[in-house]
Amino acid sequence: MNFECLANELLLDIFEYFKIQDLFHAFYDLNYRFHTLLLKQFQSYHLDFKSISKSDFHLICQKYLPSIQNQIISLRLSDDKYTPGQTKYIPTYFPSFLQLSQLRALSLYCIESPKIMEKLLIEWHQLSYLTYLSIIKCNFKLMVSSHTILNSIWSLPQLVYCHLDGFNGSWTIFDTPDVTSSSIHHFSYQNGCMQIDTFYNLLENTPHLRYLNTQLIDYSSSEKEFSTYFLSLTRLNLSTRINTNALTFWKYLPNLTCLKICMERFYLDGKQWEHTIKSYLTNLKVFHLCMFFSISGIDNIEDYINRFMDSFRTSFWLEDHQWYIRCHWEEENASSGFESIVLYTLPYAFCSSEDVTQLNCHKSTCPDDKIYNSYDHIYFLKYIPQLQSLPFLFPNIRHLSITLPIDDRLHSIIPNLNNIQILTCYIDDRYDSIENELQSIFDRLPSLHTLKLQYSENKCTIFSNTKHDSIRYLEFQVYTFSNKDCEMLINSQLGQQCELLTLSIEHHDDLLKLVNQLGNLRSLKLRASLEGDNVLTSSEEELNDWLTLHLPSKCDFRLDYNTHVSYTIYIWLQ
């Protein structure tokens, strides 16, 4: 069937699956019909400026934005390593966020501009349809406090979903807003924590909250009494470091139907959990538990494990709910005097692979232990030799970390290598056949998009003949590139098709070579040392002047001084 024979309604549905830049590249000014569909009838534009090329960003904002601003329903702004300098254009293209009258979702990623947040604090209450807000890895450097920003967020009249991660700094203790929100139903607070008092204040000021994801840290040993039971909360995803004496707070959450909890340092045995659930969480249907803890003074660790697991073998666990658990421990760890133990419910519902792979002994309460040997929720895996002794499978790995050389049994634990998009590779300096080994791995990973290499010796000959058609992001860790290394990278297939590049260099001339000779490069992150006598070790002002003078005029850059001995240059290319 000819594509143009499709009904307008179907075409509008298909448009939903396109990135905006691809949508306009394909259909803008194609003919009158498609022009009308794009500019008049399509009402669901999503502007996602994370990882966008600089040319596409300016094209969209200059040519298309004025015609579709009332049809934009989501906007994501980003000033991360892929789009450094994007923030400075926002006041030009978005002089007022009120021009996006239909905006429903707003996401801010790695934004450090105080002007953007100042404008939002004034304007976002007038965005009548704003129901979703996400702020990730932002540090607005405002004169006003985080508490003031939270009060403003809690005052948004239609907000339903709120996700804060690294909000206004790398790690922040949540400060409960004074304002009550009657609209927020879902709230996630990550890269920060709450204390129990704050946790309850949050629930009091968000009376219709249904889902909460956060970290709870409270070392107080006394039980705390509260006057309110929170009936709206039904789903809770919690990471905790709280004294077990404080765990009676469950009685204030009687309507929980889904609980996912990861406990560190403090733990409960099966009988304690059984009592808690029977007494306070009678509506609980879904229960995912993971506990990390250490013990000392144990003569026979396996006897201790058996006794501990017996508390999870009652009829409540095995028959009433069929909530089976698996326990991992180290067979012998006499050097530290502490025994590390990990226990979790099956199937494993968490994303950390270290919980499963770092300890060499395991057993479960499931009658058929093989049923739950597939770890479907783990997306990152560090491949280590002892994995071969475990009967587990990891079918959904997206990010694989390996050390070369590697054995040929990778497929036995990762049955679907087609899913792997990111490869982190640590190269043993004593190993000579790097290029052939790496090419062999590439040939088994057809969907690979990102390659991260860490080595200390001059092994850049791997780029001479190593090829992979889909790799677009290269990151080199630890090693510092010489002039020769940069030349080899420029002349390689991987270098010429690279769009996002991270590495360390010695000489300023190499910076210009990479910018001018890597034809597909759109974002460059360079690490440099303050030691030495070339321009890369100049003062911030001198370096800024040099970059302004020598970089192509269409490049944007940002300098971040990490420590007193190093800094990072971020460059966004046209």
Protein backbone atom coordinates (compact mmCIF):
# COMPACT_ATOMS: atom_id res chain seq x y z
CA MET A 1 0.00 0.00 0.00
CA ASN A 2 1.18 3.51 -0.85
CA PHE A 3 1.96 5.50 2.31
CA GLU A 4 -0.03 8.49 1.05
CA CYS A 5 -3.14 6.32 0.72
CA LEU A 6 -3.41 6.04 4.51
CA ALA A 7 -6.16 7.98 6.24
CA ASN A 8 -5.24 11.21 8.01
CA GLU A 9 -6.19 9.72 11.38
CA LEU A 10 -3.76 6.85 10.86
CA LEU A 11 -0.97 9.17 9.71
CA LEU A 12 -1.42 11.30 12.83
CA ASP A 13 -1.07 8.15 14.94
CA ILE A 14 2.10 7.21 13.06
CA PHE A 15 3.56 10.68 13.64
CA GLU A 16 3.53 9.95 17.39
CA TYR A 17 6.40 7.48 16.91
CA PHE A 18 8.76 9.95 15.18
CA LYS A 19 11.33 12.19 16.76
CA ILE A 20 10.39 15.73 15.84
CA GLN A 21 13.53 16.31 13.77
CA ASP A 22 12.89 13.15 11.75
CA LEU A 23 9.22 14.01 11.35
CA PHE A 24 9.95 17.40 9.81
CA HIS A 25 12.88 16.14 7.74
CA ALA A 26 10.58 13.55 6.20
CA PHE A 27 7.30 15.40 5.71
CA TYR A 28 7.70 19.17 6.02
CA ASP A 29 6.80 20.90 2.71
CA LEU A 30 6.41 17.49 1.05
CA ASN A 31 3.01 18.55 -0.23
CA TYR A 32 0.00 20.57 0.92
CA ARG A 33 -1.64 17.63 2.70
CA PHE A 34 1.36 16.71 4.85
CA HIS A 35 2.14 20.37 5.47
CA THR A 36 -1.38 20.82 6.83
CA LEU A 37 -1.19 17.65 8.92
CA LEU A 38 2.04 18.82 10.56
CA LEU A 39 1.18 22.44 11.21
CA LYS A 40 -2.57 22.32 11.78
CA GLN A 41 -3.86 18.90 12.77
CA PHE A 42 -1.06 17.17 14.69
CA GLN A 43 -1.50 18.23 18.31
CA SER A 44 1.09 16.12 20.18
CA TYR A 45 4.59 17.39 19.59
CA HIS A 46 7.30 16.18 21.97
CA LEU A 47 10.39 18.38 22.01
CA ASP A 48 13.23 16.23 23.37
CA PHE A 49 16.46 18.23 23.28
CA LYS A 50 18.55 15.65 25.16
CA SER A 51 21.35 14.28 22.93
CA ILE A 52 20.09 16.25 19.93
CA SER A 53 22.56 17.53 17.36
CA LYS A 54 23.21 21.25 17.46
CA SER A 55 22.08 21.75 13.87
CA ASP A 56 18.76 19.96 14.51
CA PHE A 57 18.26 21.95 17.71
CA HIS A 58 18.61 25.29 15.95
CA LEU A 59 16.62 24.16 12.93
CA ILE A 60 13.67 23.10 15.07
CA CYS A 61 13.72 26.22 17.23
CA GLN A 62 14.25 28.71 14.41
CA LYS A 63 12.14 27.23 11.62
CA TYR A 64 9.44 25.05 13.17
CA LEU A 65 8.89 26.18 16.75
CA PRO A 66 6.99 29.41 15.94
CA SER A 67 4.42 27.41 13.94
CA ILE A 68 3.80 24.60 16.44
CA GLN A 69 4.31 26.13 19.89
CA ASN A 70 0.62 25.71 20.75
CA GLN A 71 0.79 22.02 19.80
CA ILE A 72 3.77 21.10 22.00
CA ILE A 73 2.75 18.84 24.89
CA SER A 74 6.18 17.87 26.27
CA LEU A 75 9.54 19.60 26.52
CA ARG A 76 12.89 18.24 27.73
CA LEU A 77 15.84 20.61 28.10
CA SER A 78 19.36 19.31 28.68
CA ASP A 79 22.79 20.81 29.24
CA ASP A 80 24.71 17.57 29.80
CA LYS A 81 27.89 16.39 28.09
CA TYR A 82 26.00 15.67 24.85
CA THR A 83 24.50 19.15 24.49
CA PRO A 84 26.79 21.54 26.42
CA GLY A 85 25.80 25.18 26.05
CA GLN A 86 22.17 24.47 25.15
CA THR A 87 20.99 26.48 28.14
CA LYS A 88 22.20 29.81 26.78
CA TYR A 89 19.78 29.56 23.83
CA ILE A 90 16.69 28.84 25.91
CA PRO A 91 15.88 32.52 26.71
CA THR A 92 16.07 33.29 22.97
CA TYR A 93 13.87 30.46 21.76
CA PHE A 94 11.62 30.35 24.83
CA PRO A 95 11.38 33.96 26.06
CA SER A 96 8.35 32.81 28.02
CA PHE A 97 7.27 29.26 28.83
CA LEU A 98 3.71 30.52 28.64
CA GLN A 99 4.04 30.41 24.85
CA LEU A 100 3.69 26.62 25.29
CA SER A 101 0.05 26.88 26.25
CA GLN A 102 -0.68 23.15 25.91
CA LEU A 103 2.42 21.89 27.75
CA ARG A 104 1.72 18.79 29.85
CA ALA A 105 5.21 17.50 30.63
CA LEU A 106 8.40 19.39 31.48
CA SER A 107 11.79 17.73 32.03
CA LEU A 108 15.00 19.49 33.05
CA TYR A 109 18.26 17.55 32.80
CA CYS A 110 21.65 18.84 33.99
CA ILE A 111 20.44 22.44 33.97
CA GLU A 112 22.50 24.87 36.04
CA SER A 113 21.00 28.13 34.84
CA PRO A 114 19.38 30.14 37.64
CA LYS A 115 17.55 32.27 35.07
CA ILE A 116 15.58 29.30 33.75
CA MET A 117 14.40 28.27 37.21
CA GLU A 118 13.65 31.87 38.17
CA LYS A 119 11.43 32.17 35.10
CA LEU A 120 9.73 28.85 35.84
CA LEU A 121 9.02 29.82 39.44
CA ILE A 122 7.12 32.80 38.07
CA GLU A 123 5.41 31.17 35.11
CA TRP A 124 4.75 27.48 35.63
CA HIS A 125 1.69 28.06 37.82
CA GLN A 126 0.01 29.49 34.72
CA LEU A 127 0.64 26.38 32.62
CA SER A 128 -2.86 25.02 32.99
CA TYR A 129 -2.16 21.54 31.62
CA LEU A 130 1.17 20.80 33.30
CA THR A 131 0.76 17.36 34.91
CA TYR A 132 4.31 15.95 34.75
CA LEU A 133 7.56 17.45 36.08
CA SER A 134 11.01 15.88 36.10
CA ILE A 135 14.17 17.56 37.43
CA ILE A 136 17.34 15.46 37.16
CA LYS A 137 20.96 16.35 38.04
CA CYS A 138 20.26 20.06 38.19
CA ASN A 139 21.96 22.69 40.31
CA PHE A 140 20.25 26.01 39.75
CA LYS A 141 22.54 28.02 42.06
CA LEU A 142 19.64 30.20 43.13
CA MET A 143 19.51 32.63 45.99
CA VAL A 144 16.24 30.97 47.05
CA SER A 145 16.34 27.67 48.94
CA SER A 146 15.37 24.19 47.76
CA HIS A 147 12.49 24.44 50.21
CA THR A 148 11.13 27.44 48.31
CA ILE A 149 11.32 25.53 45.02
CA LEU A 150 9.52 22.55 46.58
CA ASN A 151 6.79 24.83 47.88
CA SER A 152 6.37 26.19 44.37
CA ILE A 153 6.19 22.67 42.91
CA TRP A 154 3.62 21.60 45.49
CA SER A 155 1.54 24.63 44.50
CA LEU A 156 1.22 23.59 40.86
CA PRO A 157 -2.54 23.08 40.51
CA GLN A 158 -2.62 20.20 38.01
CA LEU A 159 0.65 18.38 38.76
CA VAL A 160 0.18 14.61 39.05
CA TYR A 161 3.65 13.12 38.45
CA CYS A 162 6.78 14.58 40.03
CA HIS A 163 10.27 13.08 39.68
CA LEU A 164 13.23 14.71 41.43
CA ASP A 165 16.68 13.12 41.07
CA GLY A 166 19.77 15.02 42.17
CA PHE A 167 17.47 17.95 42.70
CA ASN A 168 19.29 21.27 43.14
CA GLY A 169 22.56 19.53 43.97
CA SER A 170 24.18 16.09 43.90
CA TRP A 171 22.71 14.87 47.20
CA THR A 172 20.03 16.63 49.20
CA ILE A 173 17.99 15.80 52.28
CA PHE A 174 14.34 16.28 51.46
CA ASP A 175 12.75 19.25 53.15
CA THR A 176 8.99 18.76 53.23
CA PRO A 177 7.07 21.60 51.58
CA ASP A 178 4.74 23.66 53.74
CA VAL A 179 2.14 23.68 50.98
CA THR A 180 -0.43 20.93 50.55
CA SER A 181 -0.81 19.43 47.08
CA SER A 182 -4.14 17.84 46.33
CA SER A 183 -3.10 16.83 42.79
CA ILE A 184 0.19 14.90 43.11
CA HIS A 185 -0.38 11.15 42.89
CA HIS A 186 3.11 9.90 42.00
CA PHE A 187 6.33 11.17 43.55
CA SER A 188 9.91 9.94 43.14
CA TYR A 189 12.82 11.42 45.07
CA GLN A 190 16.24 9.95 44.26
CA ASN A 191 19.86 10.89 44.96
CA GLY A 192 18.63 12.25 48.24
CA CYS A 193 16.95 10.93 51.34
CA MET A 194 14.28 11.48 53.95
CA GLN A 195 14.03 10.87 57.65
CA ILE A 196 10.95 9.25 59.11
CA ASP A 197 9.50 12.53 60.36
CA THR A 198 9.98 14.05 56.91
CA PHE A 199 8.40 10.98 55.33
CA TYR A 200 5.24 11.46 57.36
CA ASN A 201 5.14 15.20 56.78
CA LEU A 202 5.35 14.52 53.05
CA LEU A 203 2.38 12.16 53.24
CA GLU A 204 0.40 14.67 55.27
CA ASN A 205 1.03 17.41 52.71
CA THR A 206 0.31 15.13 49.75
CA PRO A 207 -2.98 13.54 50.85
CA HIS A 208 -3.74 11.89 47.48
CA LEU A 209 -0.33 10.32 46.97
CA ARG A 210 -0.63 6.79 45.55
CA TYR A 211 2.97 5.96 44.61
CA LEU A 212 6.21 6.95 46.35
CA ASN A 213 9.82 6.09 45.49
CA THR A 214 12.49 7.37 47.88
CA GLN A 215 15.30 6.57 50.30
CA LEU A 216 14.64 6.56 54.02
CA ILE A 217 17.55 7.00 56.44
CA ASP A 218 16.94 7.23 60.16
CA TYR A 219 19.20 5.79 62.85
CA SER A 220 17.04 6.76 65.82
CA SER A 221 16.23 3.74 67.99
CA SER A 222 12.92 4.89 69.44
CA GLU A 223 9.53 4.16 67.95
CA LYS A 224 7.63 7.18 66.67
CA GLU A 225 3.91 7.72 66.98
CA PHE A 226 1.84 9.70 64.51
CA SER A 227 -1.75 10.77 64.51
CA THR A 228 -2.66 10.09 60.89
CA TYR A 229 -3.11 6.93 58.84
CA PHE A 230 -2.30 7.42 55.16
CA LEU A 231 -4.93 5.56 53.21
CA SER A 232 -4.20 6.79 49.67
CA LEU A 233 -0.69 5.30 49.38
CA THR A 234 -0.90 1.90 47.68
CA ARG A 235 2.55 1.48 46.09
CA LEU A 236 5.87 2.12 47.81
CA ASN A 237 9.40 1.70 46.44
CA LEU A 238 11.80 2.22 49.32
CA SER A 239 15.53 2.03 50.00
CA THR A 240 16.11 2.12 53.73
CA ARG A 241 18.73 2.44 56.41
CA ILE A 242 16.54 2.57 59.47
CA ASN A 243 16.78 0.95 62.87
CA THR A 244 14.44 -2.03 63.04
CA ASN A 245 12.93 -0.56 66.23
CA ALA A 246 11.41 2.16 64.06
CA LEU A 247 9.66 -0.21 61.66
CA THR A 248 6.26 0.10 63.29
CA PHE A 249 5.66 2.96 60.84
CA TRP A 250 4.11 0.30 58.56
CA LYS A 251 0.92 0.48 60.61
CA TYR A 252 0.29 3.96 59.21
CA LEU A 253 0.22 2.59 55.63
CA PRO A 254 -2.59 0.02 55.84
CA ASN A 255 -3.61 0.15 52.16
CA LEU A 256 -0.27 -0.76 50.61
CA THR A 257 -0.81 -3.35 47.88
CA CYS A 258 2.71 -3.25 46.39
CA LEU A 259 5.90 -2.91 48.42
CA LYS A 260 9.40 -2.95 46.95
CA ILE A 261 12.01 -2.45 49.65
CA CYS A 262 15.80 -2.62 49.76
CA MET A 263 17.30 -2.65 53.27
CA GLU A 264 20.92 -1.96 54.17
CA ARG A 265 22.71 -2.60 57.50
CA PHE A 266 19.49 -3.37 59.38
CA TYR A 267 17.40 -6.43 58.61
CA LEU A 268 14.39 -8.50 59.66
CA ASP A 269 14.06 -12.26 59.60
CA GLY A 270 11.09 -14.09 58.11
CA LYS A 271 9.10 -14.20 61.35
CA GLN A 272 9.47 -10.47 61.89
CA TRP A 273 8.38 -9.72 58.34
CA GLU A 274 5.48 -12.15 58.69
CA HIS A 275 4.32 -10.40 61.86
CA THR A 276 4.63 -6.97 60.19
CA ILE A 277 2.62 -7.99 57.13
CA LYS A 278 -0.07 -9.83 59.08
CA SER A 279 -0.45 -7.01 61.59
CA TYR A 280 -0.19 -3.90 59.43
CA LEU A 281 -0.08 -4.70 55.71
CA THR A 282 -3.08 -6.96 55.26
CA ASN A 283 -3.79 -5.65 51.72
CA LEU A 284 -0.31 -6.41 50.43
CA LYS A 285 -0.35 -8.39 47.17
CA VAL A 286 3.09 -7.75 45.67
CA PHE A 287 6.19 -7.91 47.88
CA HIS A 288 9.75 -7.47 46.61
CA LEU A 289 12.43 -7.55 49.28
CA CYS A 290 16.22 -7.24 49.20
CA MET A 291 18.39 -7.03 52.34
CA PHE A 292 22.16 -6.43 52.62
CA PHE A 293 23.80 -6.92 55.97
CA SER A 294 26.94 -8.19 57.68
CA ILE A 295 27.37 -10.34 60.76
CA SER A 296 30.36 -11.19 62.89
CA GLY A 297 31.28 -13.75 65.53
CA ILE A 298 29.73 -16.66 63.60
CA ASP A 299 31.60 -19.98 63.81
CA ASN A 300 29.59 -21.74 61.13
CA ILE A 301 28.13 -19.39 58.53
CA GLU A 302 26.12 -22.10 56.75
CA ASP A 303 24.36 -23.13 59.96
CA TYR A 304 23.48 -19.50 60.55
CA ILE A 305 22.15 -19.17 56.99
CA ASN A 306 20.00 -22.30 57.40
CA ARG A 307 18.48 -21.03 60.64
CA PHE A 308 17.86 -17.62 59.11
CA MET A 309 16.23 -19.10 56.00
CA ASP A 310 14.04 -21.40 58.12
CA SER A 311 12.21 -18.28 59.30
CA PHE A 312 11.09 -17.84 55.67
CA ARG A 313 9.84 -21.43 55.37
CA THR A 314 6.55 -21.10 57.25
CA SER A 315 3.19 -21.69 55.57
CA PHE A 316 2.78 -17.91 55.33
CA TRP A 317 5.74 -17.70 52.94
CA LEU A 318 5.59 -21.00 51.09
CA GLU A 319 1.85 -21.69 50.84
CA ASP A 320 -0.22 -18.57 51.48
CA HIS A 321 1.80 -16.24 49.25
CA GLN A 322 4.44 -18.39 47.57
CA TRP A 323 7.00 -15.69 48.33
CA TYR A 324 10.26 -17.57 47.99
CA ILE A 325 13.63 -16.12 48.92
CA ARG A 326 17.21 -16.68 47.82
CA CYS A 327 20.21 -16.04 50.04
CA HIS A 328 23.82 -15.38 48.98
CA TRP A 329 26.91 -15.43 51.16
CA GLU A 330 30.65 -15.89 50.97
CA GLU A 331 31.84 -19.41 51.75
CA GLU A 332 34.81 -18.19 53.73
CA ASN A 333 35.74 -14.62 54.64
CA ALA A 334 38.03 -14.94 57.63
CA SER A 335 40.16 -11.94 56.69
CA SER A 336 37.59 -9.29 57.61
CA GLY A 337 35.83 -11.04 60.48
CA PHE A 338 32.50 -10.03 58.92
CA GLU A 339 30.25 -12.16 56.78
CA SER A 340 28.34 -10.39 54.01
CA ILE A 341 24.85 -11.68 53.30
CA VAL A 342 22.30 -10.77 50.63
CA LEU A 343 18.74 -12.04 50.77
CA TYR A 344 15.93 -11.26 48.33
CA THR A 345 12.54 -12.48 47.20
CA LEU A 346 12.10 -14.38 43.94
CA PRO A 347 11.89 -13.49 41.15
CA TYR A 348 14.61 -10.88 41.64
CA ALA A 349 13.00 -7.47 41.01
CA PHE A 350 16.00 -5.19 41.49
CA CYS A 351 18.58 -3.94 39.00
CA SER A 352 21.91 -4.47 40.80
CA SER A 353 23.88 -7.41 39.44
CA GLU A 354 26.45 -7.32 42.26
CA ASP A 355 23.85 -8.65 44.70
CA VAL A 356 23.75 -11.84 42.65
CA THR A 357 27.29 -12.26 41.34
CA GLN A 358 29.74 -11.17 44.07
CA LEU A 359 29.09 -13.90 46.67
CA ASN A 360 29.94 -17.50 45.81
CA CYS A 361 27.31 -19.47 47.80
CA HIS A 362 23.55 -19.41 47.45
CA LYS A 363 20.39 -21.36 48.23
CA SER A 364 16.68 -20.66 48.16
CA THR A 365 13.40 -21.75 49.72
CA CYS A 366 11.82 -22.51 46.34
CA PRO A 367 11.08 -26.24 45.84
CA ASP A 368 12.44 -25.99 42.30
CA ASP A 369 15.37 -23.61 42.47
CA LYS A 370 15.80 -23.49 38.68
CA ILE A 371 12.49 -21.69 38.12
CA TYR A 372 13.92 -18.34 39.18
CA ASN A 373 17.38 -18.53 37.67
CA SER A 374 16.60 -15.87 35.05
CA TYR A 375 17.32 -12.31 36.22
CA ASP A 376 15.17 -10.32 33.83
CA HIS A 377 15.41 -6.94 35.59
CA ILE A 378 19.20 -6.68 35.53
CA TYR A 379 20.36 -4.47 32.66
CA PHE A 380 24.01 -3.93 33.64
CA LEU A 381 26.39 -6.84 34.19
CA LYS A 382 30.07 -6.97 35.05
CA TYR A 383 31.30 -10.24 33.61
CA ILE A 384 33.64 -12.03 36.02
CA PRO A 385 35.02 -15.60 35.81
CA GLN A 386 33.05 -16.92 38.80
CA LEU A 387 29.82 -16.27 36.92
CA GLN A 388 30.43 -19.52 35.10
CA SER A 389 29.94 -21.46 38.33
CA LEU A 390 26.49 -19.93 38.86
CA PRO A 391 23.40 -21.36 37.15
CA PHE A 392 21.92 -17.92 36.41
CA LEU A 393 20.89 -16.27 33.15
CA PHE A 394 20.78 -12.55 32.32
CA PRO A 395 18.63 -12.22 29.19
CA ASN A 396 18.09 -8.44 29.13
CA ILE A 397 21.57 -7.00 29.53
CA ARG A 398 21.94 -3.58 27.88
CA HIS A 399 25.33 -2.62 29.36
CA LEU A 400 28.11 -5.21 29.61
CA SER A 401 31.43 -4.69 31.38
CA ILE A 402 34.29 -7.09 30.59
CA THR A 403 38.04 -7.45 31.06
CA LEU A 404 40.16 -8.62 28.14
CA PRO A 405 41.06 -11.36 27.54
CA ILE A 406 37.68 -13.02 28.03
CA ASP A 407 36.61 -16.64 27.68
CA ASP A 408 34.16 -17.78 25.03
CA ARG A 409 31.33 -18.73 27.40
CA LEU A 410 29.67 -15.32 27.48
CA HIS A 411 26.65 -16.56 25.57
CA SER A 412 25.95 -19.21 28.19
CA ILE A 413 24.90 -16.59 30.75
CA ILE A 414 23.68 -13.85 28.37
CA PRO A 415 21.49 -15.74 25.91
CA ASN A 416 20.58 -12.62 23.92
CA LEU A 417 23.66 -10.61 23.00
CA ASN A 418 21.60 -8.59 20.52
CA ASN A 419 20.27 -6.43 23.36
CA ILE A 420 23.68 -5.10 24.41
CA GLN A 421 24.09 -1.44 23.49
CA ILE A 422 26.95 -0.37 25.78
CA LEU A 423 30.26 -2.17 26.21
CA THR A 424 32.79 -1.20 28.89
CA CYS A 425 36.09 -2.92 28.27
CA TYR A 426 39.07 -3.09 30.64
CA ILE A 427 42.21 -4.12 28.80
CA ASP A 428 44.96 -6.09 30.51
CA ASP A 429 48.26 -4.38 29.67
CA ARG A 430 49.97 -7.77 29.37
CA TYR A 431 47.60 -8.92 26.65
CA ASP A 432 48.86 -8.57 23.06
CA SER A 433 45.96 -9.66 20.83
CA ILE A 434 43.62 -6.81 21.73
CA GLU A 435 42.46 -5.95 18.24
CA ASN A 436 41.42 -9.47 17.23
CA GLU A 437 39.75 -10.07 20.58
CA LEU A 438 37.81 -6.83 20.42
CA GLN A 439 36.72 -7.44 16.82
CA SER A 440 35.51 -10.91 17.78
CA ILE A 441 33.37 -9.40 20.54
CA PHE A 442 32.07 -6.69 18.21
CA ASP A 443 30.93 -9.33 15.75
CA ARG A 444 28.65 -10.82 18.44
CA LEU A 445 27.12 -7.48 19.51
CA PRO A 446 25.18 -6.15 16.50
CA SER A 447 23.29 -3.46 18.47
CA LEU A 448 26.35 -1.92 20.11
CA HIS A 449 26.11 1.85 20.24
CA THR A 450 28.59 2.90 22.95
CA LEU A 451 32.15 1.70 23.57
CA LYS A 452 34.05 2.61 26.75
CA LEU A 453 37.69 1.56 26.90
CA GLN A 454 40.02 1.65 29.87
CA TYR A 455 43.71 0.88 29.51
CA SER A 456 47.01 2.37 30.57
CA GLU A 457 49.44 1.31 27.86
CA ASN A 458 49.64 2.60 24.30
CA LYS A 459 47.14 0.22 22.75
CA CYS A 460 45.52 2.56 20.21
CA THR A 461 46.48 0.18 17.40
CA ILE A 462 43.10 -1.41 18.10
CA PHE A 463 41.63 1.24 15.82
CA SER A 464 43.71 0.31 12.81
CA ASN A 465 41.33 -2.37 11.57
CA THR A 466 38.63 -2.72 14.24
CA LYS A 467 35.19 -2.02 12.79
CA HIS A 468 31.59 -1.85 13.91
CA ASP A 469 28.88 -0.16 11.88
CA SER A 470 26.62 1.02 14.71
CA ILE A 471 29.07 2.40 17.33
CA ARG A 472 28.53 6.15 17.65
CA TYR A 473 29.85 6.97 21.13
CA LEU A 474 33.48 6.40 22.19
CA GLU A 475 34.83 6.97 25.69
CA PHE A 476 38.43 6.44 26.72
CA GLN A 477 39.11 6.23 30.42
CA VAL A 478 42.41 6.76 32.30
CA TYR A 479 44.63 6.86 29.21
CA THR A 480 45.83 10.23 27.83
CA PHE A 481 46.04 10.55 24.03
CA SER A 482 49.24 11.68 22.37
CA ASN A 483 49.44 13.36 18.93
CA LYS A 484 49.98 9.95 17.34
CA ASP A 485 47.01 8.44 19.15
CA CYS A 486 44.74 11.24 17.94
CA GLU A 487 45.91 10.72 14.36
CA MET A 488 45.13 7.01 14.60
CA LEU A 489 41.69 7.76 15.97
CA ILE A 490 40.97 10.27 13.20
CA ASN A 491 42.00 7.77 10.53
CA SER A 492 39.95 4.88 11.93
CA GLN A 493 36.45 3.83 10.94
CA LEU A 494 35.25 4.10 14.54
CA GLY A 495 36.64 7.62 14.78
CA GLN A 496 35.08 8.83 11.55
CA GLN A 497 31.61 7.56 12.43
CA CYS A 498 31.84 8.75 16.05
CA GLU A 499 29.25 11.33 17.10
CA LEU A 500 29.99 11.56 20.84
CA LEU A 501 33.58 11.37 22.07
CA THR A 502 35.15 11.48 25.55
CA LEU A 503 38.91 11.31 26.11
CA SER A 504 41.96 12.98 27.67
CA ILE A 505 44.55 14.79 25.55
CA GLU A 506 48.01 16.31 26.04
CA HIS A 507 48.18 19.05 23.40
CA HIS A 508 45.84 21.85 22.33
CA ASP A 509 46.52 21.16 18.63
CA ASP A 510 44.87 17.77 19.04
CA LEU A 511 41.67 19.41 20.23
CA LEU A 512 41.42 21.35 16.98
CA LYS A 513 42.28 18.28 14.90
CA LEU A 514 39.50 16.26 16.51
CA VAL A 515 36.96 19.05 16.04
CA ASN A 516 37.90 19.72 12.42
CA GLN A 517 38.64 16.22 11.13
CA LEU A 518 36.04 13.96 12.75
CA GLY A 519 33.27 14.53 10.25
CA ASN A 520 30.31 13.19 12.23
CA LEU A 521 31.32 14.50 15.66
CA ARG A 522 28.62 16.54 17.40
CA SER A 523 29.73 16.46 21.04
CA LEU A 524 33.23 16.31 22.52
CA LYS A 525 34.23 15.95 26.18
CA LEU A 526 37.92 16.50 26.85
CA ARG A 527 39.69 15.93 30.14
CA ALA A 528 42.96 17.75 30.71
CA SER A 529 45.53 18.19 33.45
CA LEU A 530 46.57 21.53 34.92
CA GLU A 531 50.18 20.32 34.98
CA GLY A 532 52.49 21.21 32.09
CA ASP A 533 53.25 24.26 29.98
CA ASN A 534 50.83 24.26 27.01
CA VAL A 535 47.63 26.22 26.62
CA LEU A 536 45.56 23.43 28.13
CA THR A 537 47.10 24.27 31.48
CA SER A 538 46.42 28.00 31.30
CA SER A 539 44.15 29.87 33.65
CA GLU A 540 40.41 29.58 33.09
CA GLU A 541 40.27 33.06 31.54
CA GLU A 542 43.19 32.41 29.17
CA LEU A 543 41.82 29.03 28.14
CA ASN A 544 38.38 30.51 27.56
CA ASP A 545 39.92 33.19 25.31
CA TRP A 546 41.96 30.61 23.41
CA LEU A 547 38.94 28.40 22.77
CA THR A 548 36.85 31.36 21.66
CA LEU A 549 39.57 32.41 19.22
CA HIS A 550 40.44 29.01 17.72
CA LEU A 551 37.28 26.90 17.77
CA PRO A 552 34.93 27.23 14.79
CA SER A 553 32.40 29.96 15.47
CA LYS A 554 29.50 27.51 15.46
CA CYS A 555 30.93 25.54 18.39
CA ASP A 556 29.67 26.09 21.93
CA PHE A 557 31.84 25.11 24.87
CA ARG A 558 31.78 24.96 28.64
CA LEU A 559 34.64 24.67 31.12
CA ASP A 560 34.33 22.72 34.36
CA TYR A 561 37.25 22.81 36.80
CA ASN A 562 36.88 19.49 38.63
CA THR A 563 39.79 19.78 41.08
CA HIS A 564 42.94 21.85 41.52
CA VAL A 565 44.77 19.49 39.11
CA SER A 566 42.27 18.83 36.30
CA TYR A 567 39.38 20.26 34.33
CA THR A 568 36.96 19.24 31.58
CA ILE A 569 36.06 20.97 28.32
CA TYR A 570 32.62 20.26 26.83
CA ILE A 571 32.16 21.19 23.17
CA TRP A 572 28.89 21.09 21.22
CA LEU A 573 29.53 21.10 17.48
CA GLN A 574 27.33 22.28 14.65
